[in-house]
Amino acid sequence: MDKVKNKQKTTASTSSIIKQLTKDSPDITYVPYSSELQLPGIMSLIENDLSEPYSIYTYRYFINNWPNLCFMAMDQDKCIGVIICKLDRHRDALRGYIAMLAVKKEYRKRKIGLYF
């Protein structure tokens, strides 16, 4: 029961964050990861902007284990920014980790990464 309540709280707070972000930059929308269909756009963006090549298994490791910690910045149907994170318990506290963060070159200096 507590897991369900915590997931509902996380989803509600994620929705309110996304609504706030879209007010600040109306041409860019911020969406949470929702399906494997978004993976090609994420991979393409990261492969173009980061020097480390990742296998599909690396993306799936992060996204399947922490789907609520993956967000994309979209310009219509094009993925122009992404952040992929994880959260682990370390001793008695939670520790967050940003695995990947990328914004398309032509969209930089518009504070897109700041909103992640």
PDB file of N, CA and C in Angstrom:
ATOM      1  N   MET A   1       0.819  -1.193   0.000  1.00  0.00           N
ATOM      2  CA  MET A   1       0.000   0.000   0.000  1.00  0.00           C
ATOM      3  C   MET A   1       0.863   1.257   0.000  1.00  0.00           C
ATOM      4  N   ASP A   2       1.938   1.258   0.820  1.00  0.00           N
ATOM      5  CA  ASP A   2       2.826   2.421   0.866  1.00  0.00           C
ATOM      6  C   ASP A   2       3.504   2.660  -0.469  1.00  0.00           C
ATOM      7  N   LYS A   3       3.866   1.580  -1.178  1.00  0.00           N
ATOM      8  CA  LYS A   3       4.496   1.729  -2.487  1.00  0.00           C
ATOM      9  C   LYS A   3       3.559   2.427  -3.468  1.00  0.00           C
ATOM     10  N   VAL A   4       2.285   2.050  -3.433  1.00  0.00           N
ATOM     11  CA  VAL A   4       1.300   2.660  -4.325  1.00  0.00           C
ATOM     12  C   VAL A   4       1.159   4.141  -4.002  1.00  0.00           C
ATOM     13  N   LYS A   5       1.063   4.491  -2.730  1.00  0.00           N
ATOM     14  CA  LYS A   5       0.940   5.890  -2.329  1.00  0.00           C
ATOM     15  C   LYS A   5       2.173   6.684  -2.740  1.00  0.00           C
ATOM     16  N   ASN A   6       3.366   6.113  -2.528  1.00  0.00           N
ATOM     17  CA  ASN A   6       4.594   6.804  -2.911  1.00  0.00           C
ATOM     18  C   ASN A   6       4.669   7.017  -4.415  1.00  0.00           C
ATOM     19  N   LYS A   7       4.258   6.011  -5.201  1.00  0.00           N
ATOM     20  CA  LYS A   7       4.269   6.152  -6.652  1.00  0.00           C
ATOM     21  C   LYS A   7       3.285   7.226  -7.094  1.00  0.00           C
ATOM     22  N   GLN A   8       2.105   7.288  -6.458  1.00  0.00           N
ATOM     23  CA  GLN A   8       1.121   8.316  -6.788  1.00  0.00           C
ATOM     24  C   GLN A   8       1.668   9.699  -6.461  1.00  0.00           C
ATOM     25  N   LYS A   9       2.354   9.857  -5.324  1.00  0.00           N
ATOM     26  CA  LYS A   9       2.945  11.140  -4.953  1.00  0.00           C
ATOM     27  C   LYS A   9       4.008  11.547  -5.957  1.00  0.00           C
ATOM     28  N   THR A  10       4.866  10.585  -6.356  1.00  0.00           N
ATOM     29  CA  THR A  10       5.920  10.873  -7.323  1.00  0.00           C
ATOM     30  C   THR A  10       5.327  11.306  -8.653  1.00  0.00           C
ATOM     31  N   THR A  11       4.299  10.592  -9.114  1.00  0.00           N
ATOM     32  CA  THR A  11       3.655  10.938 -10.372  1.00  0.00           C
ATOM     33  C   THR A  11       3.010  12.312 -10.294  1.00  0.00           C
ATOM     34  N   ALA A  12       2.349  12.625  -9.195  1.00  0.00           N
ATOM     35  CA  ALA A  12       1.712  13.930  -9.030  1.00  0.00           C
ATOM     36  C   ALA A  12       2.749  15.045  -9.002  1.00  0.00           C
ATOM     37  N   SER A  13       3.848  14.848  -8.281  1.00  0.00           N
ATOM     38  CA  SER A  13       4.862  15.899  -8.220  1.00  0.00           C
ATOM     39  C   SER A  13       5.568  16.043  -9.563  1.00  0.00           C
ATOM     40  N   THR A  14       5.778  14.941 -10.279  1.00  0.00           N
ATOM     41  CA  THR A  14       6.381  15.007 -11.616  1.00  0.00           C
ATOM     42  C   THR A  14       5.492  15.807 -12.548  1.00  0.00           C
ATOM     43  N   SER A  15       4.198  15.564 -12.498  1.00  0.00           N
ATOM     44  CA  SER A  15       3.260  16.296 -13.360  1.00  0.00           C
ATOM     45  C   SER A  15       3.281  17.782 -13.060  1.00  0.00           C
ATOM     46  N   SER A  16       3.313  18.156 -11.788  1.00  0.00           N
ATOM     47  CA  SER A  16       3.316  19.583 -11.447  1.00  0.00           C
ATOM     48  C   SER A  16       4.621  20.243 -11.873  1.00  0.00           C
ATOM     49  N   ILE A  17       5.734  19.519 -11.776  1.00  0.00           N
ATOM     50  CA  ILE A  17       7.016  20.069 -12.227  1.00  0.00           C
ATOM     51  C   ILE A  17       6.974  20.308 -13.728  1.00  0.00           C
ATOM     52  N   ILE A  18       6.476  19.350 -14.471  1.00  0.00           N
ATOM     53  CA  ILE A  18       6.424  19.482 -15.924  1.00  0.00           C
ATOM     54  C   ILE A  18       5.521  20.630 -16.328  1.00  0.00           C
ATOM     55  N   LYS A  19       4.381  20.799 -15.669  1.00  0.00           N
ATOM     56  CA  LYS A  19       3.498  21.917 -15.982  1.00  0.00           C
ATOM     57  C   LYS A  19       4.200  23.249 -15.754  1.00  0.00           C
ATOM     58  N   GLN A  20       4.951  23.369 -14.678  1.00  0.00           N
ATOM     59  CA  GLN A  20       5.669  24.609 -14.384  1.00  0.00           C
ATOM     60  C   GLN A  20       6.719  24.886 -15.452  1.00  0.00           C
ATOM     61  N   LEU A  21       7.445  23.870 -15.849  1.00  0.00           N
ATOM     62  CA  LEU A  21       8.503  24.048 -16.834  1.00  0.00           C
ATOM     63  C   LEU A  21       7.954  24.493 -18.181  1.00  0.00           C
ATOM     64  N   THR A  22       6.811  23.956 -18.583  1.00  0.00           N
ATOM     65  CA  THR A  22       6.260  24.335 -19.876  1.00  0.00           C
ATOM     66  C   THR A  22       5.757  25.774 -19.863  1.00  0.00           C
ATOM     67  N   LYS A  23       5.438  26.325 -18.712  1.00  0.00           N
ATOM     68  CA  LYS A  23       5.059  27.736 -18.621  1.00  0.00           C
ATOM     69  C   LYS A  23       6.261  28.631 -18.902  1.00  0.00           C
ATOM     70  N   ASP A  24       7.441  28.205 -18.442  1.00  0.00           N
ATOM     71  CA  ASP A  24       8.645  29.015 -18.585  1.00  0.00           C
ATOM     72  C   ASP A  24       9.187  29.042 -20.010  1.00  0.00           C
ATOM     73  N   SER A  25       8.975  28.012 -20.776  1.00  0.00           N
ATOM     74  CA  SER A  25       9.436  27.963 -22.173  1.00  0.00           C
ATOM     75  C   SER A  25       8.374  27.252 -23.002  1.00  0.00           C
ATOM     76  N   PRO A  26       7.383  27.997 -23.490  1.00  0.00           N
ATOM     77  CA  PRO A  26       6.213  27.386 -24.122  1.00  0.00           C
ATOM     78  C   PRO A  26       6.500  26.619 -25.412  1.00  0.00           C
ATOM     79  N   ASP A  27       7.603  26.908 -26.097  1.00  0.00           N
ATOM     80  CA  ASP A  27       7.898  26.178 -27.324  1.00  0.00           C
ATOM     81  C   ASP A  27       8.508  24.807 -27.065  1.00  0.00           C
ATOM     82  N   ILE A  28       9.006  24.573 -25.870  1.00  0.00           N
ATOM     83  CA  ILE A  28       9.618  23.305 -25.496  1.00  0.00           C
ATOM     84  C   ILE A  28       8.726  22.632 -24.452  1.00  0.00           C
ATOM     85  N   THR A  29       8.457  21.354 -24.655  1.00  0.00           N
ATOM     86  CA  THR A  29       7.689  20.610 -23.655  1.00  0.00           C
ATOM     87  C   THR A  29       8.601  19.585 -22.996  1.00  0.00           C
ATOM     88  N   TYR A  30       8.335  19.298 -21.747  1.00  0.00           N
ATOM     89  CA  TYR A  30       9.119  18.348 -20.968  1.00  0.00           C
ATOM     90  C   TYR A  30       8.216  17.177 -20.647  1.00  0.00           C
ATOM     91  N   VAL A  31       8.670  15.988 -21.028  1.00  0.00           N
ATOM     92  CA  VAL A  31       7.842  14.805 -20.835  1.00  0.00           C
ATOM     93  C   VAL A  31       8.632  13.710 -20.137  1.00  0.00           C
ATOM     94  N   PRO A  32       7.977  12.952 -19.293  1.00  0.00           N
ATOM     95  CA  PRO A  32       8.663  11.808 -18.675  1.00  0.00           C
ATOM     96  C   PRO A  32       8.728  10.652 -19.668  1.00  0.00           C
ATOM     97  N   TYR A  33       9.683   9.780 -19.467  1.00  0.00           N
ATOM     98  CA  TYR A  33       9.790   8.573 -20.284  1.00  0.00           C
ATOM     99  C   TYR A  33       8.535   7.739 -20.065  1.00  0.00           C
ATOM    100  N   SER A  34       7.988   7.226 -21.162  1.00  0.00           N
ATOM    101  CA  SER A  34       6.778   6.424 -21.012  1.00  0.00           C
ATOM    102  C   SER A  34       6.798   5.114 -21.795  1.00  0.00           C
ATOM    103  N   SER A  35       7.675   5.000 -22.806  1.00  0.00           N
ATOM    104  CA  SER A  35       7.699   3.735 -23.546  1.00  0.00           C
ATOM    105  C   SER A  35       9.001   3.570 -24.317  1.00  0.00           C
ATOM    106  N   GLU A  36       9.243   2.336 -24.694  1.00  0.00           N
ATOM    107  CA  GLU A  36      10.425   1.968 -25.472  1.00  0.00           C
ATOM    108  C   GLU A  36      10.450   2.697 -26.819  1.00  0.00           C
ATOM    109  N   LEU A  37       9.305   3.168 -27.288  1.00  0.00           N
ATOM    110  CA  LEU A  37       9.244   3.896 -28.558  1.00  0.00           C
ATOM    111  C   LEU A  37      10.042   5.203 -28.508  1.00  0.00           C
ATOM    112  N   GLN A  38      10.285   5.729 -27.323  1.00  0.00           N
ATOM    113  CA  GLN A  38      11.059   6.970 -27.167  1.00  0.00           C
ATOM    114  C   GLN A  38      12.564   6.716 -27.193  1.00  0.00           C
ATOM    115  N   LEU A  39      12.972   5.476 -27.056  1.00  0.00           N
ATOM    116  CA  LEU A  39      14.384   5.143 -26.952  1.00  0.00           C
ATOM    117  C   LEU A  39      15.215   5.546 -28.173  1.00  0.00           C
ATOM    118  N   PRO A  40      14.755   5.356 -29.415  1.00  0.00           N
ATOM    119  CA  PRO A  40      15.577   5.781 -30.561  1.00  0.00           C
ATOM    120  C   PRO A  40      15.912   7.274 -30.544  1.00  0.00           C
ATOM    121  N   GLY A  41      14.965   8.112 -30.174  1.00  0.00           N
ATOM    122  CA  GLY A  41      15.223   9.554 -30.086  1.00  0.00           C
ATOM    123  C   GLY A  41      16.227   9.880 -29.006  1.00  0.00           C
ATOM    124  N   ILE A  42      16.114   9.219 -27.877  1.00  0.00           N
ATOM    125  CA  ILE A  42      17.050   9.416 -26.767  1.00  0.00           C
ATOM    126  C   ILE A  42      18.452   8.982 -27.183  1.00  0.00           C
ATOM    127  N   MET A  43      18.543   7.800 -27.778  1.00  0.00           N
ATOM    128  CA  MET A  43      19.842   7.272 -28.183  1.00  0.00           C
ATOM    129  C   MET A  43      20.497   8.153 -29.240  1.00  0.00           C
ATOM    130  N   SER A  44      19.733   8.603 -30.190  1.00  0.00           N
ATOM    131  CA  SER A  44      20.270   9.459 -31.250  1.00  0.00           C
ATOM    132  C   SER A  44      20.849  10.746 -30.680  1.00  0.00           C
ATOM    133  N   LEU A  45      20.118  11.360 -29.782  1.00  0.00           N
ATOM    134  CA  LEU A  45      20.574  12.608 -29.164  1.00  0.00           C
ATOM    135  C   LEU A  45      21.862  12.386 -28.379  1.00  0.00           C
ATOM    136  N   ILE A  46      21.892  11.368 -27.569  1.00  0.00           N
ATOM    137  CA  ILE A  46      23.068  11.122 -26.733  1.00  0.00           C
ATOM    138  C   ILE A  46      24.271  10.709 -27.571  1.00  0.00           C
ATOM    139  N   GLU A  47      24.049   9.887 -28.580  1.00  0.00           N
ATOM    140  CA  GLU A  47      25.160   9.460 -29.435  1.00  0.00           C
ATOM    141  C   GLU A  47      25.788  10.642 -30.166  1.00  0.00           C
ATOM    142  N   ASN A  48      24.982  11.626 -30.542  1.00  0.00           N
ATOM    143  CA  ASN A  48      25.509  12.800 -31.244  1.00  0.00           C
ATOM    144  C   ASN A  48      26.232  13.762 -30.315  1.00  0.00           C
ATOM    145  N   ASP A  49      25.824  13.835 -29.059  1.00  0.00           N
ATOM    146  CA  ASP A  49      26.348  14.868 -28.166  1.00  0.00           C
ATOM    147  C   ASP A  49      27.325  14.392 -27.103  1.00  0.00           C
ATOM    148  N   LEU A  50      27.375  13.104 -26.825  1.00  0.00           N
ATOM    149  CA  LEU A  50      28.308  12.609 -25.826  1.00  0.00           C
ATOM    150  C   LEU A  50      29.397  11.783 -26.494  1.00  0.00           C
ATOM    151  N   SER A  51      30.575  11.829 -25.939  1.00  0.00           N
ATOM    152  CA  SER A  51      31.704  11.128 -26.553  1.00  0.00           C
ATOM    153  C   SER A  51      31.704   9.628 -26.269  1.00  0.00           C
ATOM    154  N   GLU A  52      31.052   9.198 -25.206  1.00  0.00           N
ATOM    155  CA  GLU A  52      31.031   7.779 -24.855  1.00  0.00           C
ATOM    156  C   GLU A  52      29.933   7.047 -25.603  1.00  0.00           C
ATOM    157  N   PRO A  53      30.287   5.995 -26.343  1.00  0.00           N
ATOM    158  CA  PRO A  53      29.213   5.205 -26.968  1.00  0.00           C
ATOM    159  C   PRO A  53      28.610   4.244 -25.941  1.00  0.00           C
ATOM    160  N   TYR A  54      27.315   4.167 -25.890  1.00  0.00           N
ATOM    161  CA  TYR A  54      26.625   3.260 -24.974  1.00  0.00           C
ATOM    162  C   TYR A  54      25.884   2.207 -25.777  1.00  0.00           C
ATOM    163  N   SER A  55      25.813   1.015 -25.246  1.00  0.00           N
ATOM    164  CA  SER A  55      25.010  -0.026 -25.899  1.00  0.00           C
ATOM    165  C   SER A  55      23.555   0.174 -25.487  1.00  0.00           C
ATOM    166  N   ILE A  56      22.678  -0.467 -26.214  1.00  0.00           N
ATOM    167  CA  ILE A  56      21.250  -0.384 -25.880  1.00  0.00           C
ATOM    168  C   ILE A  56      20.994  -0.914 -24.481  1.00  0.00           C
ATOM    169  N   TYR A  57      21.816  -1.833 -24.036  1.00  0.00           N
ATOM    170  CA  TYR A  57      21.638  -2.426 -22.704  1.00  0.00           C
ATOM    171  C   TYR A  57      21.913  -1.407 -21.599  1.00  0.00           C
ATOM    172  N   THR A  58      22.825  -0.489 -21.843  1.00  0.00           N
ATOM    173  CA  THR A  58      23.097   0.562 -20.860  1.00  0.00           C
ATOM    174  C   THR A  58      21.879   1.472 -20.713  1.00  0.00           C
ATOM    175  N   TYR A  59      21.309   1.885 -21.842  1.00  0.00           N
ATOM    176  CA  TYR A  59      20.101   2.714 -21.794  1.00  0.00           C
ATOM    177  C   TYR A  59      18.986   1.974 -21.067  1.00  0.00           C
ATOM    178  N   ARG A  60      18.795   0.729 -21.437  1.00  0.00           N
ATOM    179  CA  ARG A  60      17.711  -0.052 -20.821  1.00  0.00           C
ATOM    180  C   ARG A  60      17.934  -0.273 -19.333  1.00  0.00           C
ATOM    181  N   TYR A  61      19.172  -0.433 -18.929  1.00  0.00           N
ATOM    182  CA  TYR A  61      19.466  -0.599 -17.506  1.00  0.00           C
ATOM    183  C   TYR A  61      18.931   0.588 -16.711  1.00  0.00           C
ATOM    184  N   PHE A  62      19.276   1.781 -17.131  1.00  0.00           N
ATOM    185  CA  PHE A  62      18.836   2.975 -16.412  1.00  0.00           C
ATOM    186  C   PHE A  62      17.343   3.221 -16.575  1.00  0.00           C
ATOM    187  N   ILE A  63      16.868   3.170 -17.794  1.00  0.00           N
ATOM    188  CA  ILE A  63      15.469   3.539 -18.055  1.00  0.00           C
ATOM    189  C   ILE A  63      14.487   2.520 -17.484  1.00  0.00           C
ATOM    190  N   ASN A  64      14.802   1.243 -17.586  1.00  0.00           N
ATOM    191  CA  ASN A  64      13.874   0.232 -17.055  1.00  0.00           C
ATOM    192  C   ASN A  64      13.877   0.181 -15.542  1.00  0.00           C
ATOM    193  N   ASN A  65      15.007   0.480 -14.913  1.00  0.00           N
ATOM    194  CA  ASN A  65      15.072   0.460 -13.456  1.00  0.00           C
ATOM    195  C   ASN A  65      14.573   1.749 -12.809  1.00  0.00           C
ATOM    196  N   TRP A  66      14.739   2.876 -13.484  1.00  0.00           N
ATOM    197  CA  TRP A  66      14.320   4.172 -12.940  1.00  0.00           C
ATOM    198  C   TRP A  66      13.578   4.976 -14.007  1.00  0.00           C
ATOM    199  N   PRO A  67      12.475   4.468 -14.537  1.00  0.00           N
ATOM    200  CA  PRO A  67      11.773   5.186 -15.616  1.00  0.00           C
ATOM    201  C   PRO A  67      11.245   6.548 -15.177  1.00  0.00           C
ATOM    202  N   ASN A  68      10.947   6.701 -13.890  1.00  0.00           N
ATOM    203  CA  ASN A  68      10.441   7.981 -13.391  1.00  0.00           C
ATOM    204  C   ASN A  68      11.556   9.014 -13.225  1.00  0.00           C
ATOM    205  N   LEU A  69      12.807   8.646 -13.522  1.00  0.00           N
ATOM    206  CA  LEU A  69      13.931   9.573 -13.428  1.00  0.00           C
ATOM    207  C   LEU A  69      14.543   9.840 -14.806  1.00  0.00           C
ATOM    208  N   CYS A  70      13.742   9.661 -15.832  1.00  0.00           N
ATOM    209  CA  CYS A  70      14.152   9.963 -17.201  1.00  0.00           C
ATOM    210  C   CYS A  70      13.157  10.963 -17.788  1.00  0.00           C
ATOM    211  N   PHE A  71      13.678  12.102 -18.232  1.00  0.00           N
ATOM    212  CA  PHE A  71      12.835  13.151 -18.808  1.00  0.00           C
ATOM    213  C   PHE A  71      13.418  13.612 -20.131  1.00  0.00           C
ATOM    214  N   MET A  72      12.533  14.005 -21.032  1.00  0.00           N
ATOM    215  CA  MET A  72      12.954  14.510 -22.328  1.00  0.00           C
ATOM    216  C   MET A  72      12.394  15.896 -22.563  1.00  0.00           C
ATOM    217  N   ALA A  73      13.187  16.716 -23.214  1.00  0.00           N
ATOM    218  CA  ALA A  73      12.718  18.010 -23.692  1.00  0.00           C
ATOM    219  C   ALA A  73      12.366  17.797 -25.156  1.00  0.00           C
ATOM    220  N   MET A  74      11.169  18.203 -25.537  1.00  0.00           N
ATOM    221  CA  MET A  74      10.685  17.953 -26.890  1.00  0.00           C
ATOM    222  C   MET A  74      10.346  19.266 -27.583  1.00  0.00           C
ATOM    223  N   ASP A  75      10.716  19.345 -28.845  1.00  0.00           N
ATOM    224  CA  ASP A  75      10.262  20.422 -29.726  1.00  0.00           C
ATOM    225  C   ASP A  75       9.367  19.727 -30.738  1.00  0.00           C
ATOM    226  N   GLN A  76       8.082  19.822 -30.535  1.00  0.00           N
ATOM    227  CA  GLN A  76       7.063  19.060 -31.245  1.00  0.00           C
ATOM    228  C   GLN A  76       7.334  17.573 -31.049  1.00  0.00           C
ATOM    229  N   ASP A  77       7.667  16.837 -32.116  1.00  0.00           N
ATOM    230  CA  ASP A  77       7.895  15.394 -31.942  1.00  0.00           C
ATOM    231  C   ASP A  77       9.381  15.030 -31.931  1.00  0.00           C
ATOM    232  N   LYS A  78      10.250  16.025 -31.818  1.00  0.00           N
ATOM    233  CA  LYS A  78      11.696  15.796 -31.858  1.00  0.00           C
ATOM    234  C   LYS A  78      12.302  15.920 -30.462  1.00  0.00           C
ATOM    235  N   CYS A  79      13.047  14.902 -30.045  1.00  0.00           N
ATOM    236  CA  CYS A  79      13.729  14.920 -28.753  1.00  0.00           C
ATOM    237  C   CYS A  79      14.948  15.833 -28.870  1.00  0.00           C
ATOM    238  N   ILE A  80      14.955  16.926 -28.107  1.00  0.00           N
ATOM    239  CA  ILE A  80      16.056  17.887 -28.194  1.00  0.00           C
ATOM    240  C   ILE A  80      16.862  17.960 -26.891  1.00  0.00           C
ATOM    241  N   GLY A  81      16.427  17.238 -25.881  1.00  0.00           N
ATOM    242  CA  GLY A  81      17.154  17.193 -24.620  1.00  0.00           C
ATOM    243  C   GLY A  81      16.712  15.985 -23.821  1.00  0.00           C
ATOM    244  N   VAL A  82      17.628  15.463 -23.005  1.00  0.00           N
ATOM    245  CA  VAL A  82      17.292  14.298 -22.196  1.00  0.00           C
ATOM    246  C   VAL A  82      18.162  14.270 -20.947  1.00  0.00           C
ATOM    247  N   ILE A  83      17.568  13.787 -19.874  1.00  0.00           N
ATOM    248  CA  ILE A  83      18.327  13.481 -18.664  1.00  0.00           C
ATOM    249  C   ILE A  83      17.885  12.102 -18.201  1.00  0.00           C
ATOM    250  N   ILE A  84      18.871  11.273 -17.897  1.00  0.00           N
ATOM    251  CA  ILE A  84      18.616   9.916 -17.422  1.00  0.00           C
ATOM    252  C   ILE A  84      19.360   9.767 -16.103  1.00  0.00           C
ATOM    253  N   CYS A  85      18.624   9.418 -15.054  1.00  0.00           N
ATOM    254  CA  CYS A  85      19.198   9.360 -13.712  1.00  0.00           C
ATOM    255  C   CYS A  85      18.884   8.028 -13.040  1.00  0.00           C
ATOM    256  N   LYS A  86      19.502   7.843 -11.887  1.00  0.00           N
ATOM    257  CA  LYS A  86      19.164   6.696 -11.049  1.00  0.00           C
ATOM    258  C   LYS A  86      19.206   7.132  -9.593  1.00  0.00           C
ATOM    259  N   LEU A  87      18.617   6.330  -8.754  1.00  0.00           N
ATOM    260  CA  LEU A  87      18.558   6.610  -7.327  1.00  0.00           C
ATOM    261  C   LEU A  87      18.789   5.303  -6.585  1.00  0.00           C
ATOM    262  N   ASP A  88      19.775   5.301  -5.702  1.00  0.00           N
ATOM    263  CA  ASP A  88      20.104   4.109  -4.930  1.00  0.00           C
ATOM    264  C   ASP A  88      20.176   4.434  -3.450  1.00  0.00           C
ATOM    265  N   ARG A  89      19.923   3.410  -2.656  1.00  0.00           N
ATOM    266  CA  ARG A  89      20.105   3.549  -1.214  1.00  0.00           C
ATOM    267  C   ARG A  89      21.585   3.343  -0.921  1.00  0.00           C
ATOM    268  N   HIS A  90      22.158   4.264  -0.160  1.00  0.00           N
ATOM    269  CA  HIS A  90      23.559   4.181   0.254  1.00  0.00           C
ATOM    270  C   HIS A  90      23.603   4.395   1.757  1.00  0.00           C
ATOM    271  N   ARG A  91      23.934   3.359   2.466  1.00  0.00           N
ATOM    272  CA  ARG A  91      23.871   3.359   3.930  1.00  0.00           C
ATOM    273  C   ARG A  91      22.458   3.705   4.354  1.00  0.00           C
ATOM    274  N   ASP A  92      22.256   4.837   5.038  1.00  0.00           N
ATOM    275  CA  ASP A  92      20.909   5.195   5.496  1.00  0.00           C
ATOM    276  C   ASP A  92      20.283   6.323   4.695  1.00  0.00           C
ATOM    277  N   ALA A  93      20.845   6.627   3.543  1.00  0.00           N
ATOM    278  CA  ALA A  93      20.336   7.745   2.745  1.00  0.00           C
ATOM    279  C   ALA A  93      20.186   7.315   1.285  1.00  0.00           C
ATOM    280  N   LEU A  94      19.463   8.135   0.534  1.00  0.00           N
ATOM    281  CA  LEU A  94      19.342   7.907  -0.900  1.00  0.00           C
ATOM    282  C   LEU A  94      20.403   8.736  -1.615  1.00  0.00           C
ATOM    283  N   ARG A  95      20.968   8.170  -2.659  1.00  0.00           N
ATOM    284  CA  ARG A  95      21.992   8.865  -3.424  1.00  0.00           C
ATOM    285  C   ARG A  95      21.546   8.909  -4.884  1.00  0.00           C
ATOM    286  N   GLY A  96      21.474  10.122  -5.444  1.00  0.00           N
ATOM    287  CA  GLY A  96      21.095  10.301  -6.836  1.00  0.00           C
ATOM    288  C   GLY A  96      22.322  10.369  -7.729  1.00  0.00           C
ATOM    289  N   TYR A  97      22.117  10.028  -8.989  1.00  0.00           N
ATOM    290  CA  TYR A  97      23.208   9.966  -9.942  1.00  0.00           C
ATOM    291  C   TYR A  97      22.668  10.340 -11.312  1.00  0.00           C
ATOM    292  N   ILE A  98      23.299  11.296 -11.975  1.00  0.00           N
ATOM    293  CA  ILE A  98      22.946  11.635 -13.351  1.00  0.00           C
ATOM    294  C   ILE A  98      23.812  10.775 -14.257  1.00  0.00           C
ATOM    295  N   ALA A  99      23.182   9.884 -15.001  1.00  0.00           N
ATOM    296  CA  ALA A  99      23.906   8.993 -15.901  1.00  0.00           C
ATOM    297  C   ALA A  99      24.198   9.674 -17.230  1.00  0.00           C
ATOM    298  N   MET A 100      23.206  10.372 -17.763  1.00  0.00           N
ATOM    299  CA  MET A 100      23.351  11.017 -19.072  1.00  0.00           C
ATOM    300  C   MET A 100      22.539  12.303 -19.079  1.00  0.00           C
ATOM    301  N   LEU A 101      23.104  13.329 -19.662  1.00  0.00           N
ATOM    302  CA  LEU A 101      22.425  14.619 -19.825  1.00  0.00           C
ATOM    303  C   LEU A 101      22.919  15.203 -21.130  1.00  0.00           C
ATOM    304  N   ALA A 102      22.005  15.488 -22.039  1.00  0.00           N
ATOM    305  CA  ALA A 102      22.393  16.048 -23.332  1.00  0.00           C
ATOM    306  C   ALA A 102      21.300  16.971 -23.849  1.00  0.00           C
ATOM    307  N   VAL A 103      21.724  18.032 -24.527  1.00  0.00           N
ATOM    308  CA  VAL A 103      20.823  18.959 -25.209  1.00  0.00           C
ATOM    309  C   VAL A 103      21.403  19.183 -26.600  1.00  0.00           C
ATOM    310  N   LYS A 104      20.543  19.105 -27.625  1.00  0.00           N
ATOM    311  CA  LYS A 104      21.009  19.332 -28.994  1.00  0.00           C
ATOM    312  C   LYS A 104      21.721  20.666 -29.094  1.00  0.00           C
ATOM    313  N   LYS A 105      22.775  20.696 -29.871  1.00  0.00           N
ATOM    314  CA  LYS A 105      23.634  21.872 -29.968  1.00  0.00           C
ATOM    315  C   LYS A 105      22.850  23.142 -30.315  1.00  0.00           C
ATOM    316  N   GLU A 106      21.953  23.054 -31.276  1.00  0.00           N
ATOM    317  CA  GLU A 106      21.212  24.246 -31.705  1.00  0.00           C
ATOM    318  C   GLU A 106      20.180  24.734 -30.684  1.00  0.00           C
ATOM    319  N   TYR A 107      19.943  23.957 -29.632  1.00  0.00           N
ATOM    320  CA  TYR A 107      19.004  24.355 -28.588  1.00  0.00           C
ATOM    321  C   TYR A 107      19.697  24.785 -27.301  1.00  0.00           C
ATOM    322  N   ARG A 108      20.986  24.772 -27.293  1.00  0.00           N
ATOM    323  CA  ARG A 108      21.727  25.158 -26.091  1.00  0.00           C
ATOM    324  C   ARG A 108      21.617  26.661 -25.847  1.00  0.00           C
ATOM    325  N   LYS A 109      21.933  27.048 -24.623  1.00  0.00           N
ATOM    326  CA  LYS A 109      21.864  28.443 -24.156  1.00  0.00           C
ATOM    327  C   LYS A 109      20.421  28.943 -24.095  1.00  0.00           C
ATOM    328  N   ARG A 110      19.474  28.002 -23.970  1.00  0.00           N
ATOM    329  CA  ARG A 110      18.064  28.347 -23.789  1.00  0.00           C
ATOM    330  C   ARG A 110      17.559  27.838 -22.447  1.00  0.00           C
ATOM    331  N   LYS A 111      18.480  27.445 -21.570  1.00  0.00           N
ATOM    332  CA  LYS A 111      18.193  26.966 -20.217  1.00  0.00           C
ATOM    333  C   LYS A 111      17.417  25.651 -20.191  1.00  0.00           C
ATOM    334  N   ILE A 112      17.491  24.871 -21.237  1.00  0.00           N
ATOM    335  CA  ILE A 112      16.775  23.603 -21.283  1.00  0.00           C
ATOM    336  C   ILE A 112      17.347  22.635 -20.256  1.00  0.00           C
ATOM    337  N   GLY A 113      18.666  22.494 -20.199  1.00  0.00           N
ATOM    338  CA  GLY A 113      19.311  21.615 -19.228  1.00  0.00           C
ATOM    339  C   GLY A 113      19.072  22.058 -17.805  1.00  0.00           C
ATOM    340  N   LEU A 114      18.916  23.351 -17.597  1.00  0.00           N
ATOM    341  CA  LEU A 114      18.646  23.894 -16.274  1.00  0.00           C
ATOM    342  C   LEU A 114      17.334  23.377 -15.724  1.00  0.00           C
ATOM    343  N   TYR A 115      16.346  23.185 -16.582  1.00  0.00           N
ATOM    344  CA  TYR A 115      15.023  22.747 -16.131  1.00  0.00           C
ATOM    345  C   TYR A 115      14.983  21.274 -15.776  1.00  0.00           C
ATOM    346  N   PHE A 116      15.965  20.516 -16.220  1.00  0.00           N
ATOM    347  CA  PHE A 116      16.013  19.115 -15.832  1.00  0.00           C
ATOM    348  C   PHE A 116      16.375  19.046 -14.390  1.00  0.00           C
TER     349      PHE A 116
END
